[in-house]
């Protein structure tokens, strides 16, 4: 029996996903850690056919809508590679308290590393209709507004809201869905 009702089914459909930092720790308050995510998405797009349709990155989690042939495997790989890069950055930056907490909250069965950056899973929700796609993108883009961080979605630096408002974003998104 699966551990969650959230599962990837089928290939190439867009999925709404949420990826949360372990114990909701504020890892993405540093531009360098956010840049690791952008670099990973760019690499996956260039080499693996990953299509990013929308995203928002907040201090302790991110939401995205993406598609790819093997999205289940790519989602796992996306979490793995940036985790190593982010831990290395935090180590170099001497973010000792954050590293201590990422070690403290690591699950026992995670034996490959001294730290665990991500909570398990990504809660994928398959998007099969344009109305659902629009709803998910609105939810993603309004997240920083609801938190009171900005007045308008396109004012949040780490979001695809700018791309959808006709402004240049920090990463290209595929608006053809």
N, C-alpha and C. Protein backbone atom coordinates (compact mmCIF):
# COMPACT_ATOMS: atom_id res chain seq x y z
N UNK A 1 0.85 -1.18 0.00
CA UNK A 1 0.00 0.00 0.00
C UNK A 1 0.89 1.24 0.00
N UNK A 2 0.61 2.22 -0.88
CA UNK A 2 1.44 3.42 -0.92
C UNK A 2 1.33 4.22 0.37
N UNK A 3 2.42 4.93 0.70
CA UNK A 3 2.44 5.73 1.93
C UNK A 3 1.61 7.00 1.80
N UNK A 4 1.27 7.37 0.59
CA UNK A 4 0.58 8.64 0.38
C UNK A 4 -0.38 8.52 -0.79
N UNK A 5 -1.43 9.31 -0.76
CA UNK A 5 -2.35 9.34 -1.90
C UNK A 5 -1.77 10.14 -3.05
N UNK A 6 -0.68 10.86 -2.80
CA UNK A 6 -0.03 11.66 -3.83
C UNK A 6 0.98 10.78 -4.57
N UNK A 7 0.72 10.57 -5.87
CA UNK A 7 1.62 9.72 -6.65
C UNK A 7 1.68 10.24 -8.08
N UNK A 8 2.79 9.95 -8.71
CA UNK A 8 2.93 10.24 -10.14
C UNK A 8 2.27 9.10 -10.90
N UNK A 9 1.38 9.43 -11.83
CA UNK A 9 0.74 8.42 -12.67
C UNK A 9 0.83 8.88 -14.12
N UNK A 10 1.35 8.02 -14.97
CA UNK A 10 1.47 8.40 -16.37
C UNK A 10 2.67 9.30 -16.61
N UNK A 11 2.91 9.58 -17.85
CA UNK A 11 4.07 10.38 -18.23
C UNK A 11 3.66 11.66 -18.94
N UNK A 12 4.52 12.64 -18.86
CA UNK A 12 4.49 13.86 -19.65
C UNK A 12 3.38 14.85 -19.29
N UNK A 13 2.52 14.54 -18.34
CA UNK A 13 1.52 15.51 -17.91
C UNK A 13 2.18 16.47 -16.92
N UNK A 14 1.72 17.71 -16.86
CA UNK A 14 2.25 18.61 -15.83
C UNK A 14 1.77 18.18 -14.44
N UNK A 15 2.62 18.40 -13.47
CA UNK A 15 2.31 18.10 -12.07
C UNK A 15 2.57 19.32 -11.22
N UNK A 16 1.67 19.55 -10.28
CA UNK A 16 1.88 20.52 -9.22
C UNK A 16 2.57 19.78 -8.09
N UNK A 17 3.69 20.34 -7.60
CA UNK A 17 4.45 19.70 -6.53
C UNK A 17 4.83 20.72 -5.46
N UNK A 18 4.95 20.22 -4.26
CA UNK A 18 5.43 21.02 -3.13
C UNK A 18 6.62 20.30 -2.54
N UNK A 19 7.70 21.02 -2.36
CA UNK A 19 8.90 20.44 -1.75
C UNK A 19 9.25 21.31 -0.55
N UNK A 20 9.34 20.66 0.60
CA UNK A 20 9.50 21.36 1.86
C UNK A 20 10.85 21.05 2.48
N UNK A 21 11.50 22.07 2.98
CA UNK A 21 12.75 21.89 3.70
C UNK A 21 12.44 21.16 5.01
N UNK A 22 13.33 20.26 5.38
CA UNK A 22 13.17 19.48 6.59
C UNK A 22 12.85 20.39 7.78
N UNK A 23 11.78 20.07 8.45
CA UNK A 23 11.31 20.80 9.63
C UNK A 23 11.03 22.28 9.34
N UNK A 24 10.77 22.60 8.09
CA UNK A 24 10.42 23.95 7.65
C UNK A 24 11.53 24.96 7.99
N UNK A 25 12.77 24.53 7.96
CA UNK A 25 13.88 25.43 8.27
C UNK A 25 14.09 26.44 7.14
N UNK A 26 14.46 27.67 7.45
CA UNK A 26 14.58 28.74 6.45
C UNK A 26 15.91 28.70 5.68
N UNK A 27 16.00 27.79 4.73
CA UNK A 27 17.23 27.60 3.95
C UNK A 27 17.30 28.58 2.77
N UNK A 28 16.15 28.95 2.21
CA UNK A 28 16.15 29.75 0.99
C UNK A 28 16.05 31.25 1.27
N UNK A 29 16.69 31.68 2.32
CA UNK A 29 16.80 33.12 2.61
C UNK A 29 18.08 33.68 2.01
N UNK A 30 18.92 32.80 1.50
CA UNK A 30 20.21 33.18 0.91
C UNK A 30 20.10 33.07 -0.61
N UNK A 31 20.41 34.12 -1.34
CA UNK A 31 20.35 34.03 -2.81
C UNK A 31 21.16 32.88 -3.39
N UNK A 32 22.26 32.52 -2.78
CA UNK A 32 23.09 31.43 -3.31
C UNK A 32 22.36 30.09 -3.25
N UNK A 33 21.56 29.86 -2.21
CA UNK A 33 20.83 28.59 -2.13
C UNK A 33 19.71 28.55 -3.15
N UNK A 34 19.09 29.68 -3.41
CA UNK A 34 18.06 29.74 -4.44
C UNK A 34 18.68 29.52 -5.82
N UNK A 35 19.86 30.07 -6.04
CA UNK A 35 20.55 29.91 -7.32
C UNK A 35 20.81 28.44 -7.62
N UNK A 36 21.07 27.64 -6.61
CA UNK A 36 21.28 26.20 -6.81
C UNK A 36 20.02 25.58 -7.43
N UNK A 37 18.85 26.00 -6.98
CA UNK A 37 17.60 25.48 -7.55
C UNK A 37 17.48 25.86 -9.02
N UNK A 38 17.73 27.14 -9.32
CA UNK A 38 17.66 27.59 -10.72
C UNK A 38 18.64 26.83 -11.60
N UNK A 39 19.85 26.65 -11.13
CA UNK A 39 20.85 25.93 -11.91
C UNK A 39 20.41 24.48 -12.15
N UNK A 40 19.82 23.87 -11.16
CA UNK A 40 19.33 22.49 -11.32
C UNK A 40 18.20 22.41 -12.33
N UNK A 41 17.27 23.35 -12.25
CA UNK A 41 16.16 23.34 -13.23
C UNK A 41 16.69 23.56 -14.64
N UNK A 42 17.63 24.47 -14.79
CA UNK A 42 18.21 24.71 -16.12
C UNK A 42 18.90 23.46 -16.65
N UNK A 43 19.65 22.78 -15.82
CA UNK A 43 20.34 21.56 -16.24
C UNK A 43 19.33 20.50 -16.64
N UNK A 44 18.30 20.31 -15.84
CA UNK A 44 17.27 19.31 -16.17
C UNK A 44 16.56 19.67 -17.48
N UNK A 45 16.31 20.94 -17.71
CA UNK A 45 15.65 21.35 -18.95
C UNK A 45 16.54 21.07 -20.16
N UNK A 46 17.80 21.36 -20.02
CA UNK A 46 18.75 21.20 -21.12
C UNK A 46 19.06 19.73 -21.42
N UNK A 47 19.15 18.91 -20.39
CA UNK A 47 19.61 17.53 -20.57
C UNK A 47 18.54 16.46 -20.42
N UNK A 48 17.41 16.78 -19.78
CA UNK A 48 16.44 15.74 -19.46
C UNK A 48 15.02 16.03 -19.96
N UNK A 49 14.82 17.11 -20.70
CA UNK A 49 13.48 17.41 -21.21
C UNK A 49 12.51 17.93 -20.16
N UNK A 50 13.04 18.45 -19.07
CA UNK A 50 12.24 19.02 -17.98
C UNK A 50 11.62 20.33 -18.44
N UNK A 51 10.32 20.50 -18.24
CA UNK A 51 9.62 21.73 -18.59
C UNK A 51 9.03 22.36 -17.33
N UNK A 52 9.55 23.51 -16.97
CA UNK A 52 9.07 24.24 -15.80
C UNK A 52 7.98 25.20 -16.26
N UNK A 53 6.78 25.04 -15.72
CA UNK A 53 5.65 25.88 -16.11
C UNK A 53 5.39 27.01 -15.12
N UNK A 54 5.77 26.82 -13.88
CA UNK A 54 5.56 27.85 -12.88
C UNK A 54 6.20 27.43 -11.56
N UNK A 55 6.52 28.42 -10.73
CA UNK A 55 7.16 28.11 -9.46
C UNK A 55 7.09 29.30 -8.52
N UNK A 56 7.29 29.03 -7.26
CA UNK A 56 7.57 30.04 -6.26
C UNK A 56 8.50 29.39 -5.24
N UNK A 57 9.50 30.14 -4.82
CA UNK A 57 10.43 29.68 -3.80
C UNK A 57 10.27 30.60 -2.60
N UNK A 58 9.90 30.02 -1.47
CA UNK A 58 9.81 30.75 -0.21
C UNK A 58 10.95 30.30 0.70
N UNK A 59 11.05 30.85 1.87
CA UNK A 59 12.22 30.58 2.71
C UNK A 59 12.37 29.12 3.12
N UNK A 60 11.27 28.38 3.17
CA UNK A 60 11.36 27.01 3.68
C UNK A 60 10.66 25.96 2.82
N UNK A 61 10.15 26.36 1.69
CA UNK A 61 9.52 25.41 0.78
C UNK A 61 9.39 26.04 -0.60
N UNK A 62 9.04 25.19 -1.56
CA UNK A 62 8.77 25.70 -2.90
C UNK A 62 7.60 24.94 -3.49
N UNK A 63 6.92 25.60 -4.40
CA UNK A 63 5.87 25.00 -5.20
C UNK A 63 6.29 25.12 -6.65
N UNK A 64 6.00 24.10 -7.44
CA UNK A 64 6.27 24.20 -8.86
C UNK A 64 5.26 23.39 -9.64
N UNK A 65 5.11 23.79 -10.89
CA UNK A 65 4.36 23.00 -11.88
C UNK A 65 5.36 22.68 -12.96
N UNK A 66 5.54 21.39 -13.21
CA UNK A 66 6.54 20.95 -14.17
C UNK A 66 6.07 19.68 -14.86
N UNK A 67 6.71 19.39 -15.99
CA UNK A 67 6.40 18.18 -16.75
C UNK A 67 7.69 17.62 -17.33
N UNK A 68 7.70 16.31 -17.53
CA UNK A 68 8.82 15.62 -18.18
C UNK A 68 8.39 14.18 -18.41
N UNK A 69 9.09 13.50 -19.29
CA UNK A 69 8.78 12.10 -19.56
C UNK A 69 8.85 11.25 -18.31
N UNK A 70 9.87 11.41 -17.52
CA UNK A 70 10.10 10.60 -16.33
C UNK A 70 10.08 11.50 -15.10
N UNK A 71 8.97 12.20 -14.91
CA UNK A 71 8.89 13.24 -13.88
C UNK A 71 9.12 12.69 -12.48
N UNK A 72 8.69 11.48 -12.21
CA UNK A 72 8.88 10.88 -10.89
C UNK A 72 10.38 10.79 -10.57
N UNK A 73 11.14 10.24 -11.49
CA UNK A 73 12.59 10.11 -11.30
C UNK A 73 13.26 11.48 -11.27
N UNK A 74 12.85 12.39 -12.14
CA UNK A 74 13.46 13.72 -12.18
C UNK A 74 13.19 14.51 -10.89
N UNK A 75 12.00 14.34 -10.33
CA UNK A 75 11.70 15.03 -9.07
C UNK A 75 12.63 14.54 -7.96
N UNK A 76 12.88 13.25 -7.91
CA UNK A 76 13.82 12.71 -6.92
C UNK A 76 15.24 13.24 -7.17
N UNK A 77 15.65 13.22 -8.42
CA UNK A 77 16.99 13.70 -8.76
C UNK A 77 17.12 15.19 -8.48
N UNK A 78 16.04 15.94 -8.77
CA UNK A 78 16.08 17.37 -8.50
C UNK A 78 16.33 17.63 -7.01
N UNK A 79 15.71 16.85 -6.15
CA UNK A 79 15.90 17.06 -4.73
C UNK A 79 17.29 16.62 -4.26
N UNK A 80 17.83 15.60 -4.87
CA UNK A 80 19.10 15.04 -4.44
C UNK A 80 20.29 15.95 -4.75
N UNK A 81 20.45 16.34 -6.00
CA UNK A 81 21.61 17.13 -6.38
C UNK A 81 21.66 18.49 -5.68
N UNK A 82 20.57 19.27 -5.70
CA UNK A 82 20.63 20.55 -4.99
C UNK A 82 20.88 20.39 -3.49
N UNK A 83 20.38 19.30 -2.90
CA UNK A 83 20.60 19.10 -1.47
C UNK A 83 22.10 19.08 -1.16
N UNK A 84 22.84 18.32 -1.95
CA UNK A 84 24.30 18.23 -1.73
C UNK A 84 24.95 19.60 -1.92
N UNK A 85 24.56 20.32 -2.97
CA UNK A 85 25.13 21.64 -3.24
C UNK A 85 24.80 22.64 -2.13
N UNK A 86 23.57 22.58 -1.64
CA UNK A 86 23.13 23.52 -0.59
C UNK A 86 23.85 23.22 0.72
N UNK A 87 23.97 21.95 1.07
CA UNK A 87 24.70 21.58 2.28
C UNK A 87 26.15 22.05 2.18
N UNK A 88 26.76 21.86 1.01
CA UNK A 88 28.14 22.34 0.80
C UNK A 88 28.22 23.85 0.97
N UNK A 89 27.24 24.57 0.42
CA UNK A 89 27.24 26.04 0.55
C UNK A 89 27.09 26.44 2.02
N UNK A 90 26.16 25.81 2.73
CA UNK A 90 25.95 26.15 4.14
C UNK A 90 27.20 25.85 4.97
N UNK A 91 27.89 24.78 4.61
CA UNK A 91 29.14 24.43 5.30
C UNK A 91 30.20 25.51 5.05
N UNK A 92 30.36 25.91 3.79
CA UNK A 92 31.34 26.94 3.45
C UNK A 92 30.99 28.28 4.09
N UNK A 93 29.68 28.56 4.20
CA UNK A 93 29.23 29.82 4.80
C UNK A 93 29.23 29.76 6.33
N UNK A 94 29.59 28.61 6.88
CA UNK A 94 29.62 28.41 8.33
C UNK A 94 28.25 28.67 8.98
N UNK A 95 27.20 28.20 8.32
CA UNK A 95 25.84 28.31 8.86
C UNK A 95 25.63 27.15 9.83
N UNK A 96 26.37 27.18 10.93
CA UNK A 96 26.46 26.05 11.84
C UNK A 96 25.13 25.67 12.48
N UNK A 97 24.37 26.64 12.91
CA UNK A 97 23.09 26.34 13.57
C UNK A 97 22.14 25.63 12.59
N UNK A 98 22.06 26.13 11.38
CA UNK A 98 21.20 25.52 10.37
C UNK A 98 21.67 24.10 10.06
N UNK A 99 22.96 23.90 9.93
CA UNK A 99 23.51 22.57 9.68
C UNK A 99 23.24 21.64 10.86
N UNK A 100 23.37 22.15 12.08
CA UNK A 100 23.06 21.33 13.27
C UNK A 100 21.62 20.86 13.24
N UNK A 101 20.72 21.75 12.88
CA UNK A 101 19.30 21.38 12.84
C UNK A 101 19.00 20.40 11.70
N UNK A 102 19.62 20.59 10.55
CA UNK A 102 19.43 19.65 9.44
C UNK A 102 19.98 18.26 9.80
N UNK A 103 20.98 18.20 10.64
CA UNK A 103 21.50 16.91 11.13
C UNK A 103 20.58 16.34 12.20
N UNK A 104 20.13 17.18 13.10
CA UNK A 104 19.26 16.74 14.20
C UNK A 104 17.95 16.15 13.69
N UNK A 105 17.36 16.78 12.67
CA UNK A 105 16.05 16.35 12.17
C UNK A 105 16.14 15.29 11.06
N UNK A 106 17.35 14.83 10.77
CA UNK A 106 17.53 13.80 9.74
C UNK A 106 16.85 12.50 10.19
N UNK A 107 16.13 11.87 9.28
CA UNK A 107 15.48 10.59 9.58
C UNK A 107 16.55 9.50 9.75
N UNK A 108 16.31 8.56 10.63
CA UNK A 108 17.29 7.51 10.93
C UNK A 108 17.67 6.69 9.71
N UNK A 109 16.71 6.45 8.83
CA UNK A 109 16.99 5.60 7.66
C UNK A 109 17.77 6.33 6.57
N UNK A 110 17.97 7.62 6.72
CA UNK A 110 18.76 8.40 5.75
C UNK A 110 20.24 8.29 6.13
N UNK A 111 20.89 7.26 5.65
CA UNK A 111 22.25 6.97 6.09
C UNK A 111 23.32 7.50 5.15
N UNK A 112 22.94 8.03 3.97
CA UNK A 112 23.93 8.47 2.99
C UNK A 112 24.57 9.81 3.35
N UNK A 113 23.97 10.54 4.24
CA UNK A 113 24.44 11.90 4.53
C UNK A 113 24.29 12.20 6.01
N UNK A 114 25.03 13.17 6.47
CA UNK A 114 24.92 13.61 7.85
C UNK A 114 23.75 14.57 8.04
N UNK A 115 23.20 15.09 6.93
CA UNK A 115 22.13 16.07 6.98
C UNK A 115 20.98 15.62 6.07
N UNK A 116 19.79 16.10 6.36
CA UNK A 116 18.65 15.88 5.47
C UNK A 116 18.03 17.24 5.17
N UNK A 117 18.16 17.67 3.92
CA UNK A 117 17.63 18.97 3.53
C UNK A 117 16.12 18.96 3.35
N UNK A 118 15.60 17.97 2.65
CA UNK A 118 14.20 17.95 2.26
C UNK A 118 13.36 17.00 3.11
N UNK A 119 12.13 17.37 3.34
CA UNK A 119 11.14 16.42 3.84
C UNK A 119 10.92 15.39 2.73
N UNK A 120 10.45 14.22 3.08
CA UNK A 120 10.20 13.19 2.08
C UNK A 120 8.98 13.56 1.24
N UNK A 121 9.02 13.16 -0.02
CA UNK A 121 7.88 13.35 -0.92
C UNK A 121 7.82 14.73 -1.54
N UNK A 122 6.95 14.83 -2.52
CA UNK A 122 6.73 16.12 -3.19
C UNK A 122 5.24 16.37 -3.42
N UNK A 123 4.39 15.51 -2.93
CA UNK A 123 2.94 15.65 -3.02
C UNK A 123 2.47 15.97 -4.44
N UNK A 124 2.84 15.16 -5.43
CA UNK A 124 2.49 15.49 -6.82
C UNK A 124 0.99 15.40 -7.07
N UNK A 125 0.49 16.37 -7.80
CA UNK A 125 -0.91 16.38 -8.22
C UNK A 125 -0.94 16.59 -9.73
N UNK A 126 -1.42 15.60 -10.44
CA UNK A 126 -1.47 15.65 -11.91
C UNK A 126 -2.46 16.71 -12.35
N UNK A 127 -2.07 17.50 -13.34
CA UNK A 127 -2.92 18.56 -13.86
C UNK A 127 -3.40 18.13 -15.24
N UNK A 128 -4.71 17.97 -15.38
CA UNK A 128 -5.27 17.47 -16.63
C UNK A 128 -6.19 18.47 -17.33
N UNK A 129 -6.41 19.62 -16.71
CA UNK A 129 -7.31 20.60 -17.32
C UNK A 129 -6.74 22.00 -17.18
N UNK A 130 -7.03 22.84 -18.16
CA UNK A 130 -6.50 24.21 -18.14
C UNK A 130 -6.99 24.99 -16.92
N UNK A 131 -8.23 24.77 -16.51
CA UNK A 131 -8.75 25.49 -15.35
C UNK A 131 -7.96 25.11 -14.09
N UNK A 132 -7.53 23.87 -13.97
CA UNK A 132 -6.73 23.44 -12.83
C UNK A 132 -5.33 24.04 -12.92
N UNK A 133 -4.78 24.07 -14.12
CA UNK A 133 -3.46 24.69 -14.31
C UNK A 133 -3.49 26.15 -13.87
N UNK A 134 -4.50 26.88 -14.29
CA UNK A 134 -4.60 28.29 -13.91
C UNK A 134 -4.76 28.45 -12.40
N UNK A 135 -5.55 27.56 -11.79
CA UNK A 135 -5.75 27.62 -10.34
C UNK A 135 -4.44 27.36 -9.60
N UNK A 136 -3.68 26.38 -10.05
CA UNK A 136 -2.41 26.06 -9.39
C UNK A 136 -1.40 27.19 -9.56
N UNK A 137 -1.32 27.76 -10.76
CA UNK A 137 -0.41 28.89 -10.99
C UNK A 137 -0.81 30.10 -10.14
N UNK A 138 -2.11 30.37 -10.05
CA UNK A 138 -2.56 31.47 -9.19
C UNK A 138 -2.18 31.21 -7.73
N UNK A 139 -2.38 29.99 -7.28
CA UNK A 139 -2.02 29.64 -5.91
C UNK A 139 -0.53 29.86 -5.67
N UNK A 140 0.29 29.35 -6.59
CA UNK A 140 1.74 29.50 -6.48
C UNK A 140 2.12 30.98 -6.41
N UNK A 141 1.62 31.74 -7.37
CA UNK A 141 2.03 33.14 -7.48
C UNK A 141 1.51 34.01 -6.34
N UNK A 142 0.38 33.66 -5.76
CA UNK A 142 -0.18 34.47 -4.67
C UNK A 142 0.36 34.08 -3.30
N UNK A 143 1.13 33.02 -3.22
CA UNK A 143 1.67 32.57 -1.94
C UNK A 143 2.42 33.67 -1.19
N UNK A 144 3.36 34.39 -1.82
CA UNK A 144 4.06 35.47 -1.09
C UNK A 144 3.14 36.64 -0.72
N UNK A 145 2.09 36.87 -1.50
CA UNK A 145 1.13 37.93 -1.20
C UNK A 145 0.35 37.55 0.06
N UNK A 146 -0.12 36.31 0.12
CA UNK A 146 -0.87 35.84 1.29
C UNK A 146 -0.04 35.90 2.56
N UNK A 147 1.26 35.70 2.43
CA UNK A 147 2.15 35.76 3.60
C UNK A 147 2.48 37.21 3.97
N UNK A 148 2.08 38.16 3.14
CA UNK A 148 2.35 39.57 3.43
C UNK A 148 3.74 40.03 3.05
N UNK A 149 4.44 39.24 2.24
CA UNK A 149 5.80 39.61 1.84
C UNK A 149 5.81 40.68 0.76
N UNK A 150 4.81 40.65 -0.13
CA UNK A 150 4.72 41.62 -1.23
C UNK A 150 3.25 41.96 -1.44
N UNK A 151 3.02 43.06 -2.16
CA UNK A 151 1.65 43.45 -2.47
C UNK A 151 1.12 42.81 -3.74
N UNK A 152 2.00 42.56 -4.70
CA UNK A 152 1.62 41.95 -5.97
C UNK A 152 2.49 40.73 -6.24
N UNK A 153 1.92 39.68 -6.84
CA UNK A 153 2.71 38.46 -7.09
C UNK A 153 3.99 38.71 -7.87
N UNK A 154 3.95 39.60 -8.86
CA UNK A 154 5.14 39.82 -9.69
C UNK A 154 6.25 40.58 -8.96
N UNK A 155 5.97 41.05 -7.76
CA UNK A 155 7.00 41.71 -6.97
C UNK A 155 7.90 40.71 -6.24
N UNK A 156 7.45 39.44 -6.13
CA UNK A 156 8.28 38.43 -5.47
C UNK A 156 9.37 37.98 -6.42
N UNK A 157 10.59 38.17 -6.04
CA UNK A 157 11.75 37.90 -6.89
C UNK A 157 11.84 36.45 -7.34
N UNK A 158 11.55 35.51 -6.45
CA UNK A 158 11.75 34.09 -6.73
C UNK A 158 10.44 33.41 -7.08
N UNK A 159 9.87 33.85 -8.20
CA UNK A 159 8.58 33.33 -8.65
C UNK A 159 8.47 33.51 -10.16
N UNK A 160 7.63 32.69 -10.76
CA UNK A 160 7.37 32.83 -12.19
C UNK A 160 6.25 33.83 -12.47
N UNK A 161 5.76 34.51 -11.44
CA UNK A 161 4.70 35.51 -11.65
C UNK A 161 5.15 36.59 -12.63
N UNK A 162 6.40 36.97 -12.57
CA UNK A 162 6.92 37.97 -13.51
C UNK A 162 6.81 37.47 -14.95
N UNK A 163 7.17 36.22 -15.18
CA UNK A 163 7.09 35.65 -16.52
C UNK A 163 5.67 35.75 -17.06
N UNK A 164 4.69 35.44 -16.22
CA UNK A 164 3.29 35.45 -16.65
C UNK A 164 2.73 36.87 -16.74
N UNK A 165 3.41 37.83 -16.11
CA UNK A 165 2.98 39.24 -16.21
C UNK A 165 3.65 39.94 -17.39
N UNK A 166 4.41 39.19 -18.20
CA UNK A 166 5.07 39.76 -19.37
C UNK A 166 6.40 40.43 -19.06
N UNK A 167 6.91 40.24 -17.85
CA UNK A 167 8.19 40.80 -17.45
C UNK A 167 9.25 39.69 -17.48
N UNK A 168 10.51 40.05 -17.59
CA UNK A 168 11.55 39.01 -17.55
C UNK A 168 11.66 38.41 -16.15
N UNK A 169 11.71 37.09 -16.11
CA UNK A 169 11.89 36.39 -14.84
C UNK A 169 13.34 35.98 -14.67
N UNK A 170 13.64 35.36 -13.56
CA UNK A 170 15.00 34.92 -13.29
C UNK A 170 15.33 33.62 -13.99
N UNK A 171 14.32 32.91 -14.45
CA UNK A 171 14.50 31.69 -15.22
C UNK A 171 13.33 31.61 -16.22
N UNK A 172 13.60 31.06 -17.37
CA UNK A 172 12.53 30.91 -18.36
C UNK A 172 11.55 29.83 -17.91
N UNK A 173 10.28 30.08 -18.17
CA UNK A 173 9.26 29.06 -17.92
C UNK A 173 8.53 28.77 -19.23
N UNK A 174 8.03 27.57 -19.32
CA UNK A 174 7.27 27.12 -20.49
C UNK A 174 5.80 27.45 -20.26
N UNK A 175 5.33 28.51 -20.92
CA UNK A 175 3.94 28.93 -20.76
C UNK A 175 2.99 28.24 -21.74
N UNK A 176 3.54 27.34 -22.56
CA UNK A 176 2.72 26.56 -23.50
C UNK A 176 2.36 25.23 -22.87
N UNK A 177 1.24 25.20 -22.23
CA UNK A 177 0.77 23.98 -21.62
C UNK A 177 -0.59 23.69 -22.17
